[in-house]
Amino acid sequence: MRKYTFKTFDAQFPNDDACLEWLKQNRWPNGITCEACQRVTKHYRVTRRPAYACEFCGKMISPMAGTIMEKSSTPLRSWFHAMFLMASTRCGISAKQLERELGVTYKTAWRMFRQIRSMLGENVILEGSSVEVDETYVGGKSMNRHKAFRDGKRGRGAAGKTPVFGMVERKGSIVAKVVPDATASSVLPEIQARVSLKSVVYSDELHSYDRLGRMGYDHRRIHHVSKVYVVGDIHTNTIEGFWSLVKRGINGVYHSVSPEYLQSYVNEYAFRYNRRGQEEPMFQAFLAQVARQAV
């Protein structure tokens, strides 16, 4: 991945005008079609307004309309700076840190945080030859985060914890969803909707996955209850590595996350994971989502 530093950011986006021009160019790379003229026309910047006007009829259009920045009184460069800061760390950044870095109120920083995260959800379909599935629980008191094995079954759903179900291609993309519980009725529809029948599905011994074979999947299991974690190519180490990353980030950076907002945090980690090792800087991937979501 190419290195994208704050110096690079500052040179590319020195002010609001540069940010607005980037939005215009990336939302309408083939030119802006004027609704009144009904054709692509040149648009010129309107003085003292974050808008552009058609050279013929004067009809205005705002690049911020339909984006997470629409109707925001916060400077556009501060929004771009917030995305740069969020994209520059592996485990995320807290709203309190955003407040300090941007010089805004905590209320503003928290709102920006939520808005930026809201655009990171993706509709990913997994078509890799090997897909691991697993569930985890996030939140709750430390003493309840790991329950002992009971009668050959894992203790599931400790009080105060929120279940999250994940599916990951080995050396590929991931999908992670907050679910009501880890029962078959909650996890099997997610697998059916996201995972190709051509994929080999690897899981642990949770009974919720029992029907995968009857659904047409080549299903292989690793029996953690017997303290077996790898047998040849049968394991769930990839998805468990992702869970570790999520929990380290939430516990270390955010300390706690309410169930109401957990999906947006999970989306952020999945978004980063799905772009690991790419040439494009993570900040540019965040920006691309702004233009994509607006369309």
Protein backbone atom coordinates (compact mmCIF):
# COMPACT_ATOMS: atom_id res chain seq x y z
CA MET A 1 0.00 0.00 0.00
CA ARG A 2 1.29 3.44 -0.93
CA LYS A 3 2.07 5.62 2.07
CA TYR A 4 -0.40 8.46 2.53
CA THR A 5 0.78 10.82 5.28
CA PHE A 6 -0.74 13.94 6.78
CA LYS A 7 1.66 15.94 4.62
CA THR A 8 0.15 14.27 1.56
CA PHE A 9 -3.35 14.97 2.85
CA ASP A 10 -2.56 18.61 3.60
CA ALA A 11 -1.17 19.13 0.10
CA GLN A 12 -4.14 17.49 -1.62
CA PHE A 13 -6.83 19.09 0.57
CA PRO A 14 -5.51 22.42 1.90
CA ASN A 15 -8.98 23.99 2.23
CA ASP A 16 -12.72 23.52 1.77
CA ASP A 17 -12.54 24.53 -1.90
CA ALA A 18 -10.17 21.66 -2.71
CA CYS A 19 -12.44 19.20 -0.90
CA LEU A 20 -15.51 20.48 -2.74
CA GLU A 21 -13.75 20.24 -6.11
CA TRP A 22 -12.75 16.64 -5.31
CA LEU A 23 -16.39 15.81 -4.54
CA LYS A 24 -17.54 17.35 -7.82
CA GLN A 25 -14.95 15.55 -9.91
CA ASN A 26 -15.58 12.19 -8.29
CA ARG A 27 -19.36 12.35 -8.16
CA TRP A 28 -19.60 13.37 -11.81
CA PRO A 29 -16.41 12.13 -13.51
CA ASN A 30 -18.07 12.38 -16.94
CA GLY A 31 -19.45 15.87 -16.39
CA ILE A 32 -22.63 17.22 -14.79
CA THR A 33 -25.90 16.84 -16.64
CA CYS A 34 -27.96 19.99 -16.14
CA GLU A 35 -31.58 19.09 -15.43
CA ALA A 36 -32.82 22.27 -17.05
CA CYS A 37 -30.64 22.10 -20.19
CA GLN A 38 -30.95 18.28 -20.29
CA ARG A 39 -27.34 17.81 -21.36
CA VAL A 40 -23.83 17.82 -19.95
CA THR A 41 -22.72 21.41 -19.47
CA LYS A 42 -19.86 23.24 -17.82
CA HIS A 43 -20.51 24.27 -14.24
CA TYR A 44 -18.74 27.10 -12.48
CA ARG A 45 -18.20 27.60 -8.77
CA VAL A 46 -20.72 29.89 -7.06
CA THR A 47 -19.12 32.56 -4.89
CA ARG A 48 -19.60 32.07 -1.16
CA ARG A 49 -21.68 28.91 -1.60
CA PRO A 50 -20.63 25.24 -1.73
CA ALA A 51 -22.28 24.87 -5.12
CA TYR A 52 -21.69 25.02 -8.88
CA ALA A 53 -23.91 26.68 -11.50
CA CYS A 54 -24.62 25.74 -15.11
CA GLU A 55 -22.89 28.10 -17.55
CA PHE A 56 -26.08 28.48 -19.61
CA CYS A 57 -29.10 28.53 -17.29
CA GLY A 58 -27.45 29.13 -13.93
CA LYS A 59 -29.16 26.16 -12.26
CA MET A 60 -27.09 25.21 -9.23
CA ILE A 61 -25.99 21.85 -7.95
CA SER A 62 -24.23 20.99 -4.67
CA PRO A 63 -21.66 18.18 -4.51
CA MET A 64 -22.48 17.77 -0.81
CA ALA A 65 -26.14 16.97 -1.47
CA GLY A 66 -26.93 13.33 -0.74
CA THR A 67 -23.64 12.75 1.10
CA ILE A 68 -22.94 12.34 4.81
CA MET A 69 -21.89 16.03 4.85
CA GLU A 70 -25.21 17.39 3.55
CA LYS A 71 -26.57 20.30 5.63
CA SER A 72 -23.58 20.11 7.97
CA SER A 73 -22.18 23.40 9.29
CA THR A 74 -18.83 21.71 10.02
CA PRO A 75 -16.11 22.75 7.51
CA LEU A 76 -15.77 20.28 4.66
CA ARG A 77 -12.04 19.94 5.25
CA SER A 78 -12.77 18.85 8.84
CA TRP A 79 -14.91 16.02 7.44
CA PHE A 80 -12.07 14.98 5.14
CA HIS A 81 -9.59 15.26 8.01
CA ALA A 82 -11.83 13.08 10.20
CA MET A 83 -11.90 10.39 7.50
CA PHE A 84 -8.12 10.65 7.14
CA LEU A 85 -7.67 10.11 10.89
CA MET A 86 -10.10 7.19 11.02
CA ALA A 87 -8.46 5.56 8.01
CA SER A 88 -4.91 6.01 9.28
CA THR A 89 -5.14 3.56 12.18
CA ARG A 90 -5.62 -0.18 12.14
CA CYS A 91 -7.82 -0.40 15.20
CA GLY A 92 -9.71 2.87 14.84
CA ILE A 93 -9.79 6.17 16.68
CA SER A 94 -12.12 7.38 19.40
CA ALA A 95 -14.55 10.30 19.12
CA LYS A 96 -12.65 11.94 21.97
CA GLN A 97 -9.46 11.83 19.88
CA LEU A 98 -11.35 13.30 16.92
CA GLU A 99 -12.55 16.10 19.18
CA ARG A 100 -8.97 16.94 20.13
CA GLU A 101 -7.53 16.63 16.61
CA LEU A 102 -10.25 18.60 14.83
CA GLY A 103 -10.94 21.22 17.47
CA VAL A 104 -14.69 20.53 17.48
CA THR A 105 -17.08 19.71 20.30
CA TYR A 106 -17.49 16.11 21.42
CA LYS A 107 -21.08 16.17 20.17
CA THR A 108 -19.88 17.17 16.69
CA ALA A 109 -17.07 14.61 16.72
CA TRP A 110 -19.49 11.83 17.72
CA ARG A 111 -21.94 12.82 14.97
CA MET A 112 -19.16 12.81 12.37
CA PHE A 113 -18.03 9.44 13.67
CA ARG A 114 -21.49 7.95 13.22
CA GLN A 115 -21.99 9.48 9.79
CA ILE A 116 -18.66 8.25 8.45
CA ARG A 117 -19.25 4.76 9.79
CA SER A 118 -22.74 4.71 8.29
CA MET A 119 -21.27 4.60 4.78
CA LEU A 120 -18.89 1.69 5.39
CA GLY A 121 -21.44 -1.11 5.23
CA GLU A 122 -21.11 -3.26 2.11
CA ASN A 123 -23.16 -5.91 0.32
CA VAL A 124 -20.43 -8.53 -0.07
CA ILE A 125 -21.02 -11.93 -1.69
CA LEU A 126 -18.45 -14.62 -0.89
CA GLU A 127 -17.49 -16.84 -3.80
CA GLY A 128 -14.13 -18.17 -2.64
CA SER A 129 -13.40 -21.88 -2.65
CA SER A 130 -12.99 -21.94 1.16
CA VAL A 131 -15.23 -19.99 3.55
CA GLU A 132 -15.02 -20.07 7.35
CA VAL A 133 -18.06 -19.28 9.49
CA ASP A 134 -18.11 -18.53 13.19
CA GLU A 135 -19.90 -16.52 15.85
CA THR A 136 -18.61 -14.42 18.71
CA TYR A 137 -19.99 -12.28 21.50
CA VAL A 138 -19.05 -8.66 22.08
CA GLY A 139 -19.57 -6.59 25.22
CA GLY A 140 -20.76 -7.58 28.65
CA LYS A 141 -18.71 -7.78 31.81
CA SER A 142 -15.19 -9.18 31.60
CA MET A 143 -16.08 -12.05 33.92
CA ASN A 144 -18.76 -13.18 31.44
CA ARG A 145 -16.80 -12.84 28.20
CA HIS A 146 -15.77 -16.49 28.11
CA LYS A 147 -18.06 -19.23 29.39
CA ALA A 148 -16.84 -22.69 30.21
CA PHE A 149 -17.65 -25.74 28.11
CA ARG A 150 -20.67 -27.57 29.45
CA ASP A 151 -21.62 -31.12 28.62
CA GLY A 152 -19.74 -31.04 25.34
CA LYS A 153 -21.36 -27.77 24.25
CA ARG A 154 -20.15 -24.21 24.50
CA GLY A 155 -21.85 -21.83 26.82
CA ARG A 156 -23.44 -19.28 24.48
CA GLY A 157 -24.93 -15.86 24.93
CA ALA A 158 -23.70 -14.66 28.32
CA ALA A 159 -25.79 -11.87 29.80
CA GLY A 160 -25.03 -8.44 28.43
CA LYS A 161 -23.16 -9.67 25.35
CA THR A 162 -24.20 -9.15 21.74
CA PRO A 163 -23.82 -11.99 19.21
CA VAL A 164 -22.00 -11.28 15.94
CA PHE A 165 -21.87 -13.79 13.11
CA GLY A 166 -19.09 -13.79 10.51
CA MET A 167 -18.20 -15.44 7.21
CA VAL A 168 -14.77 -15.06 5.63
CA GLU A 169 -13.03 -16.26 2.49
CA ARG A 170 -9.53 -17.50 3.16
CA LYS A 171 -7.30 -14.81 1.63
CA GLY A 172 -10.45 -12.94 0.65
CA SER A 173 -13.33 -10.83 1.93
CA ILE A 174 -15.35 -10.95 5.12
CA VAL A 175 -18.97 -10.33 6.09
CA ALA A 176 -19.88 -9.74 9.74
CA LYS A 177 -23.41 -9.18 11.01
CA VAL A 178 -24.90 -8.48 14.41
CA VAL A 179 -27.57 -11.17 14.89
CA PRO A 180 -30.29 -11.77 17.49
CA ASP A 181 -28.67 -15.07 18.52
CA ALA A 182 -26.47 -17.88 17.19
CA THR A 183 -29.29 -20.30 16.42
CA ALA A 184 -29.73 -21.97 13.04
CA SER A 185 -32.65 -19.67 12.19
CA SER A 186 -30.33 -16.66 12.52
CA VAL A 187 -27.07 -17.88 10.94
CA LEU A 188 -28.15 -20.27 8.15
CA PRO A 189 -30.07 -17.62 6.14
CA GLU A 190 -26.98 -15.40 6.28
CA ILE A 191 -24.81 -18.20 4.91
CA GLN A 192 -27.34 -19.04 2.21
CA ALA A 193 -27.55 -15.39 1.11
CA ARG A 194 -23.81 -14.70 1.08
CA VAL A 195 -21.90 -17.93 0.42
CA SER A 196 -21.75 -19.76 -2.93
CA LEU A 197 -22.74 -23.43 -2.95
CA LYS A 198 -19.42 -24.07 -4.70
CA SER A 199 -17.56 -23.08 -1.52
CA VAL A 200 -16.31 -25.50 1.10
CA VAL A 201 -17.66 -24.23 4.43
CA TYR A 202 -15.58 -24.68 7.57
CA SER A 203 -17.09 -24.28 11.04
CA ASP A 204 -16.76 -25.43 14.61
CA GLU A 205 -19.08 -27.96 16.24
CA LEU A 206 -21.97 -25.57 17.01
CA HIS A 207 -25.26 -27.39 16.29
CA SER A 208 -26.60 -24.38 14.38
CA TYR A 209 -24.47 -25.49 11.42
CA ASP A 210 -25.78 -29.08 11.36
CA ARG A 211 -28.00 -28.55 8.30
CA LEU A 212 -25.32 -27.06 6.03
CA GLY A 213 -24.69 -30.43 4.34
CA ARG A 214 -28.39 -30.87 3.59
CA MET A 215 -28.44 -27.34 2.15
CA GLY A 216 -25.94 -28.45 -0.49
CA TYR A 217 -22.68 -27.23 1.04
CA ASP A 218 -19.50 -29.26 1.43
CA HIS A 219 -19.33 -28.77 5.20
CA ARG A 220 -16.25 -29.58 7.28
CA ARG A 221 -15.94 -29.12 11.04
CA ILE A 222 -13.21 -28.65 13.60
CA HIS A 223 -14.03 -29.81 17.13
CA HIS A 224 -12.85 -27.14 19.52
CA VAL A 225 -14.65 -28.85 22.38
CA SER A 226 -12.03 -31.60 22.13
CA LYS A 227 -9.30 -28.92 22.12
CA VAL A 228 -8.55 -29.64 18.47
CA TYR A 229 -7.94 -26.46 16.47
CA VAL A 230 -6.36 -27.55 13.18
CA VAL A 231 -6.64 -30.79 11.21
CA GLY A 232 -5.04 -30.41 7.79
CA ASP A 233 -6.88 -27.55 6.13
CA ILE A 234 -9.84 -27.76 8.54
CA HIS A 235 -9.84 -24.80 10.93
CA THR A 236 -11.51 -21.47 11.64
CA ASN A 237 -8.34 -19.56 12.41
CA THR A 238 -8.99 -16.87 9.78
CA ILE A 239 -12.33 -15.74 11.20
CA GLU A 240 -11.04 -16.03 14.76
CA GLY A 241 -8.16 -13.74 13.85
CA PHE A 242 -10.69 -11.16 12.68
CA TRP A 243 -12.65 -11.48 15.93
CA SER A 244 -9.44 -10.85 17.86
CA LEU A 245 -8.82 -7.69 15.85
CA VAL A 246 -12.35 -6.42 16.48
CA LYS A 247 -12.24 -7.11 20.20
CA ARG A 248 -8.78 -5.60 20.66
CA GLY A 249 -9.96 -2.47 18.91
CA ILE A 250 -13.21 -2.14 20.82
CA ASN A 251 -11.69 -2.94 24.21
CA GLY A 252 -8.54 -0.88 23.66
CA VAL A 253 -9.85 2.15 21.75
CA TYR A 254 -13.56 2.42 22.46
CA HIS A 255 -13.69 0.45 25.76
CA SER A 256 -17.36 -0.41 25.23
CA VAL A 257 -19.93 -0.24 22.44
CA SER A 258 -23.70 -0.38 22.86
CA PRO A 259 -25.63 -3.01 20.86
CA GLU A 260 -27.38 -0.17 19.01
CA TYR A 261 -24.13 0.98 17.37
CA LEU A 262 -22.19 -2.28 17.28
CA GLN A 263 -23.00 -3.06 13.63
CA SER A 264 -21.45 0.22 12.46
CA TYR A 265 -18.23 -0.58 14.36
CA VAL A 266 -18.16 -4.09 12.89
CA ASN A 267 -18.72 -2.58 9.42
CA GLU A 268 -15.66 -0.37 9.86
CA TYR A 269 -13.42 -3.32 10.77
CA ALA A 270 -14.81 -5.40 7.89
CA PHE A 271 -14.30 -2.51 5.46
CA ARG A 272 -10.64 -2.24 6.49
CA TYR A 273 -10.15 -6.02 6.38
CA ASN A 274 -11.58 -6.25 2.86
CA ARG A 275 -9.02 -3.73 1.61
CA ARG A 276 -5.93 -4.99 3.38
CA GLY A 277 -2.87 -5.14 1.15
CA GLN A 278 -4.38 -3.02 -1.61
CA GLU A 279 -2.34 -0.34 -3.36
CA GLU A 280 -5.00 2.30 -2.74
CA PRO A 281 -4.49 4.13 0.59
CA MET A 282 -7.29 3.42 3.07
CA PHE A 283 -8.18 7.12 3.17
CA GLN A 284 -8.86 7.08 -0.57
CA ALA A 285 -11.11 4.06 -0.05
CA PHE A 286 -13.07 6.03 2.57
CA LEU A 287 -13.41 8.96 0.17
CA ALA A 288 -14.55 6.69 -2.65
CA GLN A 289 -17.39 5.52 -0.39
CA VAL A 290 -18.59 9.12 -0.03
CA ALA A 291 -18.99 9.47 -3.80
CA ARG A 292 -20.38 5.95 -4.18
CA GLN A 293 -23.00 6.35 -1.44
CA ALA A 294 -24.15 9.67 -2.88
CA VAL A 295 -24.80 8.03 -6.25
